[in-house]
N, C-alpha and C. Protein backbone atom coordinates (compact mmCIF):
# COMPACT_ATOMS: atom_id res chain seq x y z
N UNK A 1 -17.48 8.14 0.62
CA UNK A 1 -16.54 7.96 1.73
C UNK A 1 -17.27 7.59 2.96
N UNK A 2 -16.89 6.50 3.55
CA UNK A 2 -17.49 5.99 4.78
C UNK A 2 -16.87 6.74 6.00
N UNK A 3 -17.65 7.44 6.79
CA UNK A 3 -17.14 8.23 7.85
C UNK A 3 -17.07 7.43 9.12
N UNK A 4 -15.97 7.55 9.90
CA UNK A 4 -15.87 6.87 11.21
C UNK A 4 -16.90 7.50 12.16
N UNK A 5 -17.10 6.85 13.26
CA UNK A 5 -18.02 7.34 14.28
C UNK A 5 -17.65 8.68 14.76
N UNK A 6 -18.61 9.62 14.91
CA UNK A 6 -18.26 10.98 15.40
C UNK A 6 -17.99 10.95 16.91
N UNK A 7 -17.37 12.01 17.38
CA UNK A 7 -17.12 12.20 18.80
C UNK A 7 -18.41 12.83 19.36
N UNK A 8 -18.67 12.58 20.64
CA UNK A 8 -19.87 13.08 21.33
C UNK A 8 -19.44 13.83 22.54
N UNK A 9 -20.04 14.98 22.79
CA UNK A 9 -19.81 15.72 24.03
C UNK A 9 -21.15 15.81 24.79
N UNK A 10 -21.19 15.14 25.96
CA UNK A 10 -22.38 15.14 26.77
C UNK A 10 -22.09 15.93 28.06
N UNK A 11 -22.91 16.85 28.38
CA UNK A 11 -22.80 17.62 29.65
C UNK A 11 -24.08 17.42 30.46
N UNK A 12 -23.93 16.88 31.67
CA UNK A 12 -25.08 16.71 32.59
C UNK A 12 -24.99 17.77 33.68
N UNK A 13 -26.13 18.44 33.95
CA UNK A 13 -26.17 19.49 34.90
C UNK A 13 -26.89 19.01 36.19
N UNK A 14 -26.73 19.87 37.28
CA UNK A 14 -27.27 19.50 38.56
C UNK A 14 -28.79 19.31 38.54
N UNK A 15 -29.47 19.99 37.67
CA UNK A 15 -30.95 19.82 37.68
C UNK A 15 -31.39 18.64 36.78
N UNK A 16 -30.46 17.79 36.45
CA UNK A 16 -30.67 16.59 35.60
C UNK A 16 -30.97 16.87 34.13
N UNK A 17 -30.77 18.10 33.74
CA UNK A 17 -30.87 18.40 32.34
C UNK A 17 -29.47 18.09 31.70
N UNK A 18 -29.46 17.98 30.39
CA UNK A 18 -28.18 17.69 29.74
C UNK A 18 -28.12 18.31 28.34
N UNK A 19 -26.93 18.44 27.82
CA UNK A 19 -26.70 18.83 26.46
C UNK A 19 -25.93 17.74 25.71
N UNK A 20 -26.25 17.56 24.48
CA UNK A 20 -25.69 16.46 23.70
C UNK A 20 -25.21 17.06 22.39
N UNK A 21 -23.90 17.11 22.19
CA UNK A 21 -23.33 17.73 21.01
C UNK A 21 -22.54 16.69 20.21
N UNK A 22 -22.89 16.48 18.94
CA UNK A 22 -22.12 15.59 18.08
C UNK A 22 -21.02 16.37 17.39
N UNK A 23 -19.80 15.90 17.45
CA UNK A 23 -18.65 16.49 16.78
C UNK A 23 -18.31 15.64 15.56
N UNK A 24 -17.54 16.21 14.66
CA UNK A 24 -17.07 15.50 13.50
C UNK A 24 -15.99 14.54 13.89
N UNK A 25 -15.74 13.48 13.09
CA UNK A 25 -14.68 12.51 13.47
C UNK A 25 -13.35 13.17 13.46
N UNK A 26 -12.36 12.62 14.22
CA UNK A 26 -11.02 13.18 14.20
C UNK A 26 -10.40 13.22 12.81
N UNK A 27 -9.58 14.25 12.55
CA UNK A 27 -8.94 14.39 11.23
C UNK A 27 -8.09 13.23 10.95
N UNK A 28 -7.40 12.69 11.92
CA UNK A 28 -6.53 11.56 11.72
C UNK A 28 -7.27 10.31 11.20
N UNK A 29 -8.48 10.13 11.72
CA UNK A 29 -9.29 8.98 11.29
C UNK A 29 -9.80 9.17 9.85
N UNK A 30 -10.17 10.40 9.52
CA UNK A 30 -10.59 10.62 8.13
C UNK A 30 -9.41 10.47 7.15
N UNK A 31 -8.21 10.87 7.58
CA UNK A 31 -7.01 10.73 6.71
C UNK A 31 -6.66 9.25 6.55
N UNK A 32 -6.74 8.50 7.65
CA UNK A 32 -6.41 7.08 7.54
C UNK A 32 -7.35 6.37 6.59
N UNK A 33 -8.68 6.80 6.67
CA UNK A 33 -9.65 6.18 5.79
C UNK A 33 -9.42 6.58 4.35
N UNK A 34 -9.04 7.81 4.09
CA UNK A 34 -8.80 8.27 2.68
C UNK A 34 -7.54 7.64 2.14
N UNK A 35 -6.50 7.46 2.97
CA UNK A 35 -5.21 6.86 2.49
C UNK A 35 -5.26 5.32 2.52
N UNK A 36 -6.34 4.77 3.11
CA UNK A 36 -6.49 3.28 3.20
C UNK A 36 -5.34 2.66 3.97
N UNK A 37 -5.04 3.23 5.12
CA UNK A 37 -3.97 2.71 6.01
C UNK A 37 -4.57 2.42 7.37
N UNK A 38 -3.90 1.60 8.16
CA UNK A 38 -4.45 1.23 9.50
C UNK A 38 -3.92 2.19 10.61
N UNK A 39 -2.68 2.76 10.41
CA UNK A 39 -2.16 3.65 11.33
C UNK A 39 -1.13 4.57 10.68
N UNK A 40 -0.77 5.67 11.36
CA UNK A 40 0.20 6.59 10.82
C UNK A 40 1.62 6.06 11.11
N UNK A 41 2.59 6.81 10.58
CA UNK A 41 3.95 6.46 10.72
C UNK A 41 4.46 6.72 12.10
N UNK A 42 5.33 5.89 12.60
CA UNK A 42 5.94 6.17 13.90
C UNK A 42 7.07 7.17 13.80
N UNK A 43 7.66 7.30 12.59
CA UNK A 43 8.72 8.25 12.35
C UNK A 43 8.46 9.05 11.06
N UNK A 44 7.57 10.10 11.16
CA UNK A 44 7.24 10.88 9.94
C UNK A 44 8.33 11.88 9.52
N UNK A 45 9.35 12.14 10.36
CA UNK A 45 10.39 13.06 10.07
C UNK A 45 11.79 12.44 10.30
N UNK A 46 12.80 13.20 9.89
CA UNK A 46 14.15 12.79 10.22
C UNK A 46 14.75 11.80 9.29
N UNK A 47 15.84 11.16 9.77
CA UNK A 47 16.63 10.27 8.99
C UNK A 47 15.87 8.96 8.65
N UNK A 48 15.07 8.48 9.58
CA UNK A 48 14.31 7.25 9.33
C UNK A 48 12.88 7.55 8.89
N UNK A 49 12.69 8.65 8.13
CA UNK A 49 11.40 9.05 7.64
C UNK A 49 10.70 7.91 6.94
N UNK A 50 9.42 7.63 7.33
CA UNK A 50 8.63 6.59 6.69
C UNK A 50 7.33 7.17 6.23
N UNK A 51 7.10 7.04 4.94
CA UNK A 51 5.80 7.48 4.34
C UNK A 51 4.95 6.25 4.27
N UNK A 52 3.77 6.34 4.92
CA UNK A 52 2.87 5.16 5.00
C UNK A 52 1.75 5.19 4.00
N UNK A 53 1.47 6.29 3.35
CA UNK A 53 0.40 6.42 2.41
C UNK A 53 0.34 7.77 1.73
N UNK A 54 -0.66 7.98 0.91
CA UNK A 54 -0.75 9.26 0.27
C UNK A 54 -2.24 9.59 0.04
N UNK A 55 -2.53 10.91 -0.04
CA UNK A 55 -3.87 11.40 -0.36
C UNK A 55 -3.71 12.49 -1.36
N UNK A 56 -4.78 12.73 -2.12
CA UNK A 56 -4.77 13.80 -3.15
C UNK A 56 -5.29 15.06 -2.54
N UNK A 57 -5.06 16.18 -3.23
CA UNK A 57 -5.61 17.50 -2.78
C UNK A 57 -7.10 17.49 -2.76
N UNK A 58 -7.74 16.74 -3.61
CA UNK A 58 -9.21 16.66 -3.69
C UNK A 58 -9.71 16.01 -2.35
N UNK A 59 -9.00 14.96 -1.93
CA UNK A 59 -9.34 14.30 -0.69
C UNK A 59 -9.11 15.21 0.56
N UNK A 60 -8.03 15.95 0.50
CA UNK A 60 -7.77 16.91 1.55
C UNK A 60 -8.86 17.98 1.63
N UNK A 61 -9.30 18.51 0.49
CA UNK A 61 -10.40 19.46 0.46
C UNK A 61 -11.70 18.84 1.03
N UNK A 62 -11.98 17.61 0.66
CA UNK A 62 -13.19 16.94 1.13
C UNK A 62 -13.16 16.80 2.64
N UNK A 63 -12.02 16.36 3.20
CA UNK A 63 -11.85 16.20 4.65
C UNK A 63 -11.96 17.58 5.31
N UNK A 64 -11.38 18.62 4.74
CA UNK A 64 -11.45 20.00 5.35
C UNK A 64 -12.91 20.43 5.40
N UNK A 65 -13.68 20.14 4.34
CA UNK A 65 -15.08 20.52 4.35
C UNK A 65 -15.91 19.81 5.47
N UNK A 66 -15.52 18.54 5.77
CA UNK A 66 -16.19 17.80 6.82
C UNK A 66 -15.79 18.40 8.16
N UNK A 67 -14.52 18.76 8.32
CA UNK A 67 -14.02 19.31 9.65
C UNK A 67 -14.31 20.73 9.87
N UNK A 68 -14.72 21.48 8.85
CA UNK A 68 -14.87 22.91 8.98
C UNK A 68 -15.74 23.34 10.15
N UNK A 69 -16.89 22.76 10.46
CA UNK A 69 -17.73 23.22 11.55
C UNK A 69 -17.01 23.16 12.93
N UNK A 70 -16.04 22.22 13.12
CA UNK A 70 -15.37 22.11 14.38
C UNK A 70 -14.03 22.86 14.46
N UNK A 71 -13.60 23.45 13.40
CA UNK A 71 -12.36 24.15 13.41
C UNK A 71 -12.57 25.64 13.78
N UNK A 72 -11.54 26.35 14.17
CA UNK A 72 -11.70 27.71 14.52
C UNK A 72 -11.42 28.68 13.39
N UNK A 73 -11.89 28.23 12.19
CA UNK A 73 -11.73 29.10 10.98
C UNK A 73 -12.98 28.94 10.11
N UNK A 74 -13.21 29.90 9.24
CA UNK A 74 -14.30 29.83 8.29
C UNK A 74 -13.81 29.67 6.91
N UNK A 75 -12.49 29.71 6.66
CA UNK A 75 -11.88 29.63 5.36
C UNK A 75 -11.49 28.23 5.06
N UNK A 76 -11.88 27.74 3.87
CA UNK A 76 -11.60 26.36 3.47
C UNK A 76 -10.10 26.16 3.25
N UNK A 77 -9.34 27.16 2.81
CA UNK A 77 -7.86 27.09 2.68
C UNK A 77 -7.16 26.85 4.00
N UNK A 78 -7.64 27.56 5.03
CA UNK A 78 -7.04 27.40 6.40
C UNK A 78 -7.33 25.98 6.95
N UNK A 79 -8.59 25.51 6.66
CA UNK A 79 -8.87 24.18 7.07
C UNK A 79 -8.05 23.15 6.37
N UNK A 80 -7.85 23.34 5.06
CA UNK A 80 -7.02 22.42 4.28
C UNK A 80 -5.57 22.41 4.84
N UNK A 81 -5.03 23.58 5.28
CA UNK A 81 -3.72 23.63 5.83
C UNK A 81 -3.67 22.88 7.10
N UNK A 82 -4.68 22.88 7.93
CA UNK A 82 -4.76 22.12 9.12
C UNK A 82 -4.72 20.62 8.77
N UNK A 83 -5.49 20.21 7.84
CA UNK A 83 -5.55 18.80 7.45
C UNK A 83 -4.19 18.35 6.88
N UNK A 84 -3.59 19.21 6.08
CA UNK A 84 -2.28 18.85 5.49
C UNK A 84 -1.20 18.75 6.60
N UNK A 85 -1.30 19.61 7.62
CA UNK A 85 -0.32 19.48 8.73
C UNK A 85 -0.54 18.20 9.50
N UNK A 86 -1.76 17.76 9.72
CA UNK A 86 -2.03 16.49 10.36
C UNK A 86 -1.53 15.31 9.53
N UNK A 87 -1.75 15.43 8.21
CA UNK A 87 -1.24 14.36 7.31
C UNK A 87 0.25 14.24 7.36
N UNK A 88 0.96 15.42 7.35
CA UNK A 88 2.43 15.43 7.40
C UNK A 88 2.91 14.77 8.71
N UNK A 89 2.24 15.07 9.84
CA UNK A 89 2.63 14.49 11.12
C UNK A 89 2.33 12.99 11.24
N UNK A 90 1.44 12.51 10.38
CA UNK A 90 1.16 11.07 10.34
C UNK A 90 2.04 10.31 9.34
N UNK A 91 2.80 11.01 8.59
CA UNK A 91 3.61 10.32 7.60
C UNK A 91 2.86 10.07 6.27
N UNK A 92 1.80 10.86 6.00
CA UNK A 92 1.01 10.70 4.80
C UNK A 92 1.42 11.75 3.79
N UNK A 93 1.73 11.36 2.58
CA UNK A 93 2.17 12.24 1.52
C UNK A 93 0.97 12.88 0.84
N UNK A 94 1.07 14.18 0.44
CA UNK A 94 0.02 14.89 -0.27
C UNK A 94 0.42 14.92 -1.74
N UNK A 95 -0.42 14.39 -2.58
CA UNK A 95 -0.13 14.41 -4.02
C UNK A 95 -1.11 15.42 -4.69
N UNK A 96 -0.62 16.04 -5.73
CA UNK A 96 -1.44 17.08 -6.49
C UNK A 96 -2.50 16.45 -7.23
């Protein structure tokens, strides 16, 4: 899986020292890459619901493992629920 560029957090202090923290890529970017789509659905819910792609549970678990260091949980199942919620909001279907 080719990962998108990570996010970076740079803090510069008054004494000219700095901290440089690399974050994992956004969950939406990882999902778009896994589903092989260019963007999420504009209408993921309601009457005009549009499904733009699908991912498997194995892909969801892989994305959750990548995102785990930046999430506020230590449990893989909770991280998977977060990824599945993001996928649902993007109009991406989860297949077993």
